[in-house]
């Protein structure tokens, strides 16, 4: 006998669509900031002009903050790996670039890969102001997304 498993997906309003450089500065990331019907702020990377694959999963700000609270200082993208179901190791680093761009983390002086958390109240206030409006941006996915969820059909060998 098989059991039916129900997965509830909360609707997501896109509050902001923005771009930033990845951590190496060699590619541009496009990302969304959204919120659920419960007003939970979420992030996702949706495009990368570079060659790195990524997962377009939504990750909540509260989950990010909990991961950082449990992580050693200086912060790196490593604690974010646990938040993703996908296997792309690029995604946590891309999310860290987004968080830096949004002012939620900053580089530590003299440490190229080390970050520290920054007070999130200004960012949260900005997002709460957007949540209070009817804003729900629509985004058409570019055809060149290189995400880890994409499957590449295998090439059949030609027989002579």
N, C-alpha and C. Protein backbone atom coordinates (compact mmCIF):
# COMPACT_ATOMS: atom_id res chain seq x y z
N UNK A 1 0.84 -1.17 0.00
CA UNK A 1 0.00 0.00 0.00
C UNK A 1 0.89 1.24 0.00
N UNK A 2 0.56 2.18 -0.87
CA UNK A 2 1.36 3.40 -0.92
C UNK A 2 0.64 4.53 -0.20
N UNK A 3 1.42 5.36 0.46
CA UNK A 3 0.87 6.50 1.16
C UNK A 3 1.04 7.74 0.30
N UNK A 4 0.05 8.58 0.34
CA UNK A 4 0.12 9.83 -0.39
C UNK A 4 0.76 10.88 0.52
N UNK A 5 1.81 11.50 0.03
CA UNK A 5 2.51 12.52 0.80
C UNK A 5 2.13 13.88 0.24
N UNK A 6 1.72 14.75 1.10
CA UNK A 6 1.32 16.09 0.70
C UNK A 6 2.39 17.09 1.14
N UNK A 7 2.84 17.88 0.20
CA UNK A 7 3.82 18.91 0.50
C UNK A 7 3.15 20.25 0.24
N UNK A 8 3.10 21.09 1.26
CA UNK A 8 2.50 22.40 1.09
C UNK A 8 3.58 23.40 0.71
N UNK A 9 3.32 24.10 -0.37
CA UNK A 9 4.23 25.13 -0.81
C UNK A 9 3.56 26.47 -0.55
N UNK A 10 4.20 27.30 0.26
CA UNK A 10 3.65 28.61 0.56
C UNK A 10 3.84 29.51 -0.65
N UNK A 11 2.83 30.33 -0.90
CA UNK A 11 2.96 31.26 -2.01
C UNK A 11 4.01 32.30 -1.65
N UNK A 12 4.70 32.77 -2.66
CA UNK A 12 5.79 33.70 -2.45
C UNK A 12 5.52 34.97 -3.26
N UNK A 13 5.61 36.10 -2.60
CA UNK A 13 5.55 37.39 -3.28
C UNK A 13 6.98 37.86 -3.48
N UNK A 14 7.31 38.28 -4.68
CA UNK A 14 8.64 38.81 -4.94
C UNK A 14 8.60 40.31 -4.64
N UNK A 15 9.39 40.70 -3.65
CA UNK A 15 9.44 42.09 -3.21
C UNK A 15 10.51 42.89 -3.94
N UNK A 16 11.58 42.20 -4.33
CA UNK A 16 12.72 42.90 -4.92
C UNK A 16 13.44 41.96 -5.87
N UNK A 17 13.84 42.49 -7.01
CA UNK A 17 14.70 41.79 -7.96
C UNK A 17 15.94 42.66 -8.11
N UNK A 18 17.12 42.07 -7.89
CA UNK A 18 18.34 42.87 -7.94
C UNK A 18 19.50 42.03 -8.48
N UNK A 19 20.60 42.69 -8.74
CA UNK A 19 21.81 42.01 -9.20
C UNK A 19 22.99 42.45 -8.33
N UNK A 20 23.99 41.59 -8.28
CA UNK A 20 25.24 41.91 -7.60
C UNK A 20 26.34 41.05 -8.20
N UNK A 21 27.57 41.41 -7.91
CA UNK A 21 28.70 40.59 -8.35
C UNK A 21 28.83 39.39 -7.42
N UNK A 22 29.32 38.28 -7.95
CA UNK A 22 29.64 37.16 -7.07
C UNK A 22 30.88 37.54 -6.27
N UNK A 23 31.29 36.67 -5.35
CA UNK A 23 32.40 37.02 -4.46
C UNK A 23 33.73 37.24 -5.18
N UNK A 24 33.91 36.57 -6.32
CA UNK A 24 35.16 36.77 -7.06
C UNK A 24 35.10 38.02 -7.94
N UNK A 25 33.90 38.57 -8.13
CA UNK A 25 33.75 39.74 -8.97
C UNK A 25 33.77 39.45 -10.46
N UNK A 26 33.73 38.16 -10.83
CA UNK A 26 33.84 37.77 -12.23
C UNK A 26 32.50 37.50 -12.90
N UNK A 27 31.43 37.45 -12.13
CA UNK A 27 30.11 37.17 -12.70
C UNK A 27 29.06 37.98 -11.96
N UNK A 28 27.93 38.16 -12.61
CA UNK A 28 26.81 38.89 -12.02
C UNK A 28 25.71 37.91 -11.66
N UNK A 29 25.22 38.04 -10.44
CA UNK A 29 24.13 37.21 -9.95
C UNK A 29 22.85 38.04 -9.97
N UNK A 30 21.75 37.41 -10.33
CA UNK A 30 20.44 38.04 -10.20
C UNK A 30 19.73 37.28 -9.10
N UNK A 31 19.08 38.01 -8.22
CA UNK A 31 18.42 37.36 -7.09
C UNK A 31 17.08 38.01 -6.80
N UNK A 32 16.27 37.26 -6.08
CA UNK A 32 14.96 37.74 -5.62
C UNK A 32 14.97 37.80 -4.11
N UNK A 33 14.24 38.77 -3.58
CA UNK A 33 13.88 38.77 -2.17
C UNK A 33 12.37 38.72 -2.16
N UNK A 34 11.84 37.75 -1.43
CA UNK A 34 10.39 37.57 -1.40
C UNK A 34 9.90 37.40 0.02
N UNK A 35 8.58 37.20 0.13
CA UNK A 35 8.01 36.91 1.43
C UNK A 35 6.85 35.93 1.25
N UNK A 36 6.66 35.12 2.26
CA UNK A 36 5.55 34.18 2.28
C UNK A 36 4.31 34.91 2.79
N UNK A 37 3.19 34.21 2.79
CA UNK A 37 1.96 34.80 3.33
C UNK A 37 2.10 35.07 4.83
N UNK A 38 3.06 34.40 5.48
CA UNK A 38 3.35 34.64 6.90
C UNK A 38 4.32 35.79 7.11
N UNK A 39 4.69 36.49 6.02
CA UNK A 39 5.62 37.63 6.04
C UNK A 39 7.05 37.22 6.39
N UNK A 40 7.39 35.97 6.07
CA UNK A 40 8.74 35.45 6.29
C UNK A 40 9.60 35.87 5.09
N UNK A 41 10.66 36.63 5.33
CA UNK A 41 11.54 37.14 4.27
C UNK A 41 12.42 36.01 3.76
N UNK A 42 12.51 35.88 2.43
CA UNK A 42 13.24 34.79 1.78
C UNK A 42 14.13 35.34 0.66
N UNK A 43 15.19 34.58 0.37
CA UNK A 43 16.13 34.92 -0.71
C UNK A 43 16.24 33.74 -1.67
N UNK A 44 16.53 34.06 -2.94
CA UNK A 44 16.94 33.02 -3.88
C UNK A 44 17.75 33.65 -5.00
N UNK A 45 18.72 32.90 -5.47
CA UNK A 45 19.52 33.29 -6.63
C UNK A 45 18.81 32.69 -7.83
N UNK A 46 18.62 33.49 -8.89
CA UNK A 46 17.90 32.97 -10.04
C UNK A 46 18.69 33.01 -11.34
N UNK A 47 19.83 33.68 -11.36
CA UNK A 47 20.65 33.69 -12.57
C UNK A 47 22.09 34.02 -12.22
N UNK A 48 22.99 33.53 -13.07
CA UNK A 48 24.43 33.72 -12.91
C UNK A 48 25.03 33.87 -14.29
N UNK A 49 25.74 34.95 -14.54
CA UNK A 49 26.36 35.14 -15.85
C UNK A 49 27.64 34.33 -15.99
N UNK A 50 28.14 33.79 -14.88
CA UNK A 50 29.35 32.98 -14.92
C UNK A 50 29.02 31.52 -15.19
N UNK A 51 30.00 30.67 -15.01
CA UNK A 51 29.84 29.26 -15.31
C UNK A 51 29.34 28.39 -14.17
N UNK A 52 29.16 28.95 -12.99
CA UNK A 52 28.82 28.13 -11.83
C UNK A 52 27.35 27.75 -11.76
N UNK A 53 27.10 26.49 -11.48
CA UNK A 53 25.73 26.02 -11.28
C UNK A 53 25.25 26.45 -9.90
N UNK A 54 23.92 26.51 -9.72
CA UNK A 54 23.36 26.90 -8.43
C UNK A 54 21.96 26.35 -8.30
N UNK A 55 21.44 26.42 -7.10
CA UNK A 55 20.08 26.00 -6.81
C UNK A 55 19.21 27.24 -6.62
N UNK A 56 18.03 27.27 -7.25
CA UNK A 56 17.16 28.44 -7.12
C UNK A 56 16.18 28.35 -5.94
N UNK A 57 16.51 27.56 -4.93
CA UNK A 57 15.64 27.39 -3.76
C UNK A 57 15.51 28.69 -2.99
N UNK A 58 14.33 28.88 -2.38
CA UNK A 58 14.11 30.00 -1.47
C UNK A 58 14.69 29.63 -0.11
N UNK A 59 15.40 30.55 0.53
CA UNK A 59 15.98 30.35 1.86
C UNK A 59 15.55 31.53 2.74
N UNK A 60 15.02 31.22 3.91
CA UNK A 60 14.50 32.29 4.77
C UNK A 60 15.62 33.02 5.51
N UNK A 61 15.39 34.30 5.72
CA UNK A 61 16.32 35.12 6.48
C UNK A 61 16.49 34.56 7.88
N UNK A 62 15.41 34.10 8.49
CA UNK A 62 15.52 33.56 9.85
C UNK A 62 16.40 32.32 9.89
N UNK A 63 16.32 31.45 8.86
CA UNK A 63 17.18 30.26 8.82
C UNK A 63 18.65 30.66 8.63
N UNK A 64 18.88 31.68 7.83
CA UNK A 64 20.24 32.19 7.62
C UNK A 64 20.80 32.72 8.94
N UNK A 65 20.00 33.49 9.65
CA UNK A 65 20.46 34.06 10.91
C UNK A 65 20.76 32.98 11.94
N UNK A 66 19.94 31.94 12.01
CA UNK A 66 20.18 30.83 12.94
C UNK A 66 21.48 30.11 12.56
N UNK A 67 21.69 29.87 11.26
CA UNK A 67 22.92 29.20 10.81
C UNK A 67 24.14 30.03 11.20
N UNK A 68 24.07 31.34 11.05
CA UNK A 68 25.19 32.21 11.40
C UNK A 68 25.42 32.27 12.91
N UNK A 69 24.35 32.24 13.69
CA UNK A 69 24.49 32.27 15.15
C UNK A 69 25.24 31.05 15.67
N UNK A 70 25.07 29.91 15.00
CA UNK A 70 25.71 28.66 15.41
C UNK A 70 27.12 28.51 14.84
N UNK A 71 27.49 29.37 13.91
CA UNK A 71 28.75 29.24 13.18
C UNK A 71 29.90 29.96 13.90
N UNK A 72 31.11 29.43 13.71
CA UNK A 72 32.27 30.13 14.27
C UNK A 72 32.55 31.42 13.50
N UNK A 73 33.24 32.34 14.17
CA UNK A 73 33.63 33.60 13.54
C UNK A 73 35.09 33.47 13.17
N UNK A 74 35.55 33.91 12.02
CA UNK A 74 34.80 34.68 11.04
C UNK A 74 33.82 33.80 10.27
N UNK A 75 32.73 34.41 9.81
CA UNK A 75 31.74 33.68 9.04
C UNK A 75 32.25 33.41 7.64
N UNK A 76 31.85 32.28 7.12
CA UNK A 76 32.07 31.94 5.71
C UNK A 76 30.72 31.45 5.18
N UNK A 77 30.67 31.04 3.94
CA UNK A 77 29.42 30.53 3.38
C UNK A 77 29.16 29.08 3.82
N UNK A 78 30.12 28.46 4.46
CA UNK A 78 29.98 27.05 4.83
C UNK A 78 28.71 26.75 5.66
N UNK A 79 28.33 27.54 6.66
CA UNK A 79 27.12 27.23 7.43
C UNK A 79 25.84 27.28 6.60
N UNK A 80 25.88 27.92 5.44
CA UNK A 80 24.70 28.02 4.59
C UNK A 80 24.44 26.74 3.79
N UNK A 81 25.45 25.88 3.68
CA UNK A 81 25.30 24.64 2.91
C UNK A 81 24.14 23.81 3.44
N UNK A 82 23.99 23.74 4.74
CA UNK A 82 22.95 22.92 5.35
C UNK A 82 21.54 23.40 5.00
N UNK A 83 21.39 24.62 4.53
CA UNK A 83 20.08 25.17 4.21
C UNK A 83 19.57 24.75 2.84
N UNK A 84 20.44 24.20 2.02
CA UNK A 84 20.07 23.83 0.65
C UNK A 84 19.91 22.33 0.49
N UNK A 85 18.88 21.95 -0.25
CA UNK A 85 18.65 20.54 -0.57
C UNK A 85 19.52 20.10 -1.73
N UNK A 86 19.84 21.03 -2.61
CA UNK A 86 20.63 20.72 -3.79
C UNK A 86 22.08 20.43 -3.44
N UNK A 87 22.83 20.05 -4.43
CA UNK A 87 24.21 19.66 -4.18
C UNK A 87 25.23 20.68 -4.69
N UNK A 88 24.77 21.80 -5.18
CA UNK A 88 25.69 22.79 -5.70
C UNK A 88 26.43 23.48 -4.56
N UNK A 89 27.74 23.44 -4.61
CA UNK A 89 28.52 24.12 -3.58
C UNK A 89 28.65 25.61 -3.87
N UNK A 90 28.26 26.03 -5.06
CA UNK A 90 28.31 27.45 -5.39
C UNK A 90 27.20 28.25 -4.71
N UNK A 91 26.05 27.63 -4.53
CA UNK A 91 24.88 28.35 -4.05
C UNK A 91 25.11 29.07 -2.72
N UNK A 92 25.68 28.43 -1.70
CA UNK A 92 25.92 29.15 -0.45
C UNK A 92 26.84 30.36 -0.64
N UNK A 93 27.85 30.24 -1.47
CA UNK A 93 28.75 31.37 -1.72
C UNK A 93 28.02 32.48 -2.48
N UNK A 94 27.15 32.10 -3.41
CA UNK A 94 26.36 33.10 -4.13
C UNK A 94 25.42 33.81 -3.16
N UNK A 95 24.80 33.05 -2.26
CA UNK A 95 23.92 33.67 -1.27
C UNK A 95 24.71 34.63 -0.38
N UNK A 96 25.93 34.27 -0.02
CA UNK A 96 26.76 35.15 0.80
C UNK A 96 27.03 36.47 0.06
N UNK A 97 27.24 36.39 -1.25
CA UNK A 97 27.43 37.61 -2.05
C UNK A 97 26.18 38.47 -2.02
N UNK A 98 25.02 37.84 -2.09
CA UNK A 98 23.74 38.56 -2.01
C UNK A 98 23.60 39.23 -0.64
N UNK A 99 23.89 38.48 0.41
CA UNK A 99 23.78 39.02 1.77
C UNK A 99 24.72 40.20 1.97
N UNK A 100 25.91 40.11 1.39
CA UNK A 100 26.86 41.22 1.46
C UNK A 100 26.30 42.43 0.72
N UNK A 101 25.76 42.20 -0.47
CA UNK A 101 25.20 43.29 -1.27
C UNK A 101 24.02 43.96 -0.55
N UNK A 102 23.25 43.20 0.19
CA UNK A 102 22.09 43.75 0.92
C UNK A 102 22.49 44.33 2.28
N UNK A 103 23.77 44.26 2.63
CA UNK A 103 24.24 44.86 3.88
C UNK A 103 23.99 44.02 5.12
N UNK A 104 23.79 42.72 4.95
CA UNK A 104 23.55 41.84 6.09
C UNK A 104 24.82 41.20 6.63
N UNK A 105 25.87 41.18 5.83
CA UNK A 105 27.21 40.76 6.27
C UNK A 105 28.22 41.72 5.65
N UNK A 106 29.41 41.77 6.24
CA UNK A 106 30.48 42.56 5.66
C UNK A 106 31.79 41.82 5.86
N UNK A 107 32.75 42.14 4.97
CA UNK A 107 34.08 41.56 5.08
C UNK A 107 34.75 42.03 6.37
N UNK A 108 35.48 41.13 6.96
CA UNK A 108 36.34 41.52 8.08
C UNK A 108 37.61 42.13 7.51
N UNK A 109 38.12 43.15 8.15
CA UNK A 109 39.36 43.77 7.69
C UNK A 109 40.48 42.75 7.68
N UNK A 110 41.21 42.69 6.56
CA UNK A 110 42.36 41.81 6.46
C UNK A 110 42.04 40.34 6.26
N UNK A 111 40.78 40.00 6.08
CA UNK A 111 40.39 38.60 5.88
C UNK A 111 39.53 38.51 4.63
N UNK A 112 40.12 38.07 3.52
CA UNK A 112 39.44 38.09 2.23
C UNK A 112 38.20 37.19 2.19
N UNK A 113 38.19 36.11 2.97
CA UNK A 113 37.05 35.19 2.95
C UNK A 113 36.22 35.21 4.22
N UNK A 114 36.60 36.05 5.16
CA UNK A 114 35.88 36.11 6.42
C UNK A 114 34.88 37.25 6.47
N UNK A 115 33.73 36.97 7.04
CA UNK A 115 32.66 37.95 7.16
C UNK A 115 32.19 38.04 8.59
N UNK A 116 31.44 39.09 8.87
CA UNK A 116 30.73 39.19 10.14
C UNK A 116 29.31 39.65 9.85
N UNK A 117 28.39 39.25 10.71
CA UNK A 117 27.01 39.69 10.57
C UNK A 117 26.90 41.16 10.90
N UNK A 118 25.95 41.80 10.27
CA UNK A 118 25.68 43.21 10.50
C UNK A 118 24.24 43.31 11.00
N UNK A 119 23.96 44.30 11.81
CA UNK A 119 22.60 44.51 12.30
C UNK A 119 21.62 44.53 11.12
N UNK A 120 20.61 43.69 11.18
CA UNK A 120 19.67 43.53 10.06
C UNK A 120 18.45 44.44 10.16
N UNK A 121 18.37 45.29 11.17
CA UNK A 121 17.14 46.06 11.38
C UNK A 121 16.81 47.00 10.21
N UNK A 122 17.80 47.64 9.61
CA UNK A 122 17.54 48.53 8.47
C UNK A 122 16.99 47.73 7.30
N UNK A 123 17.62 46.60 6.99
CA UNK A 123 17.15 45.74 5.90
C UNK A 123 15.74 45.25 6.18
N UNK A 124 15.49 44.76 7.38
CA UNK A 124 14.17 44.23 7.73
C UNK A 124 13.12 45.34 7.63
N UNK A 125 13.45 46.53 8.08
CA UNK A 125 12.51 47.66 7.98
C UNK A 125 12.16 47.94 6.51
N UNK A 126 13.17 47.92 5.63
CA UNK A 126 12.94 48.13 4.20
C UNK A 126 12.01 47.05 3.64
N UNK A 127 12.26 45.80 4.01
CA UNK A 127 11.43 44.70 3.51
C UNK A 127 10.02 44.76 4.09
N UNK A 128 9.90 45.14 5.36
CA UNK A 128 8.57 45.27 5.97
C UNK A 128 7.76 46.36 5.26
N UNK A 129 8.42 47.44 4.86
CA UNK A 129 7.73 48.50 4.12
C UNK A 129 7.22 47.97 2.78
N UNK A 130 8.02 47.13 2.11
CA UNK A 130 7.59 46.53 0.85
C UNK A 130 6.46 45.52 1.08
N UNK A 131 6.57 44.74 2.15
CA UNK A 131 5.54 43.75 2.48
C UNK A 131 4.20 44.46 2.71
N UNK A 132 4.23 45.64 3.31
CA UNK A 132 3.01 46.38 3.62
C UNK A 132 2.30 46.90 2.36
N UNK A 133 3.01 46.91 1.23
CA UNK A 133 2.41 47.32 -0.03
C UNK A 133 1.84 46.10 -0.74
N UNK A 134 1.29 46.33 -1.91
CA UNK A 134 0.77 45.22 -2.73
C UNK A 134 1.81 44.70 -3.72
N UNK A 135 3.05 45.12 -3.56
CA UNK A 135 4.08 44.75 -4.53
C UNK A 135 4.22 43.24 -4.65
N UNK A 136 4.24 42.78 -5.89
CA UNK A 136 4.46 41.37 -6.20
C UNK A 136 5.07 41.35 -7.60
N UNK A 137 6.38 41.49 -7.65
CA UNK A 137 7.08 41.57 -8.92
C UNK A 137 7.02 40.23 -9.65
N UNK A 138 6.89 40.30 -10.92
CA UNK A 138 6.90 39.09 -11.75
C UNK A 138 8.23 39.04 -12.47
N UNK A 139 8.75 37.86 -12.57
CA UNK A 139 10.05 37.70 -13.21
C UNK A 139 9.97 36.59 -14.23
N UNK A 140 10.42 36.88 -15.42
CA UNK A 140 10.51 35.87 -16.46
C UNK A 140 11.92 35.31 -16.41
N UNK A 141 12.03 34.01 -16.20
CA UNK A 141 13.34 33.38 -16.09
C UNK A 141 14.10 33.48 -17.40
N UNK A 142 15.35 33.89 -17.34
CA UNK A 142 16.16 33.91 -18.56
C UNK A 142 16.38 32.49 -19.06
N UNK A 143 16.57 32.35 -20.34
CA UNK A 143 16.76 31.02 -20.91
C UNK A 143 18.15 30.47 -20.64
N UNK A 144 19.04 31.30 -20.11
CA UNK A 144 20.43 30.86 -19.90
C UNK A 144 20.73 30.55 -18.45
N UNK A 145 19.71 30.29 -17.64
CA UNK A 145 19.96 29.96 -16.24
C UNK A 145 20.78 28.68 -16.16
N UNK A 146 21.82 28.70 -15.34
CA UNK A 146 22.66 27.54 -15.13
C UNK A 146 22.48 27.08 -13.70
N UNK A 147 21.37 26.43 -13.42
CA UNK A 147 21.09 26.01 -12.06
C UNK A 147 21.31 24.52 -11.91
N UNK A 148 21.53 24.08 -10.70
CA UNK A 148 21.82 22.67 -10.48
C UNK A 148 20.60 21.79 -10.71
N UNK A 149 19.41 22.39 -10.71
CA UNK A 149 18.19 21.62 -10.94
C UNK A 149 17.99 21.31 -12.42
N UNK A 150 18.77 21.94 -13.27
CA UNK A 150 18.64 21.71 -14.70
C UNK A 150 19.24 20.35 -15.06
N UNK A 151 18.53 19.63 -15.89
CA UNK A 151 19.06 18.36 -16.35
C UNK A 151 19.51 18.50 -17.79
N UNK A 152 20.61 17.89 -18.10
CA UNK A 152 21.15 17.94 -19.45
C UNK A 152 20.92 16.58 -20.08
N UNK A 153 20.21 16.54 -21.23
CA UNK A 153 19.96 15.24 -21.85
C UNK A 153 21.25 14.59 -22.29
N UNK A 154 21.32 13.29 -22.11
CA UNK A 154 22.53 12.58 -22.50
C UNK A 154 22.56 12.44 -24.02
N UNK A 155 23.76 12.48 -24.57
CA UNK A 155 23.91 12.33 -26.01
C UNK A 155 23.98 10.85 -26.33
N UNK A 156 23.21 10.45 -27.31
CA UNK A 156 23.24 9.05 -27.74
C UNK A 156 24.40 8.89 -28.72
N UNK A 157 25.12 7.81 -28.54
CA UNK A 157 26.24 7.57 -29.45
C UNK A 157 25.70 7.10 -30.78
N UNK A 158 26.35 7.59 -31.84
CA UNK A 158 25.94 7.21 -33.20
C UNK A 158 26.60 5.89 -33.54
N UNK A 159 25.79 5.01 -34.08
CA UNK A 159 26.34 3.73 -34.53
C UNK A 159 26.43 3.74 -36.02
N UNK A 160 27.55 3.30 -36.57
CA UNK A 160 27.72 3.29 -38.02
C UNK A 160 27.39 1.95 -38.56
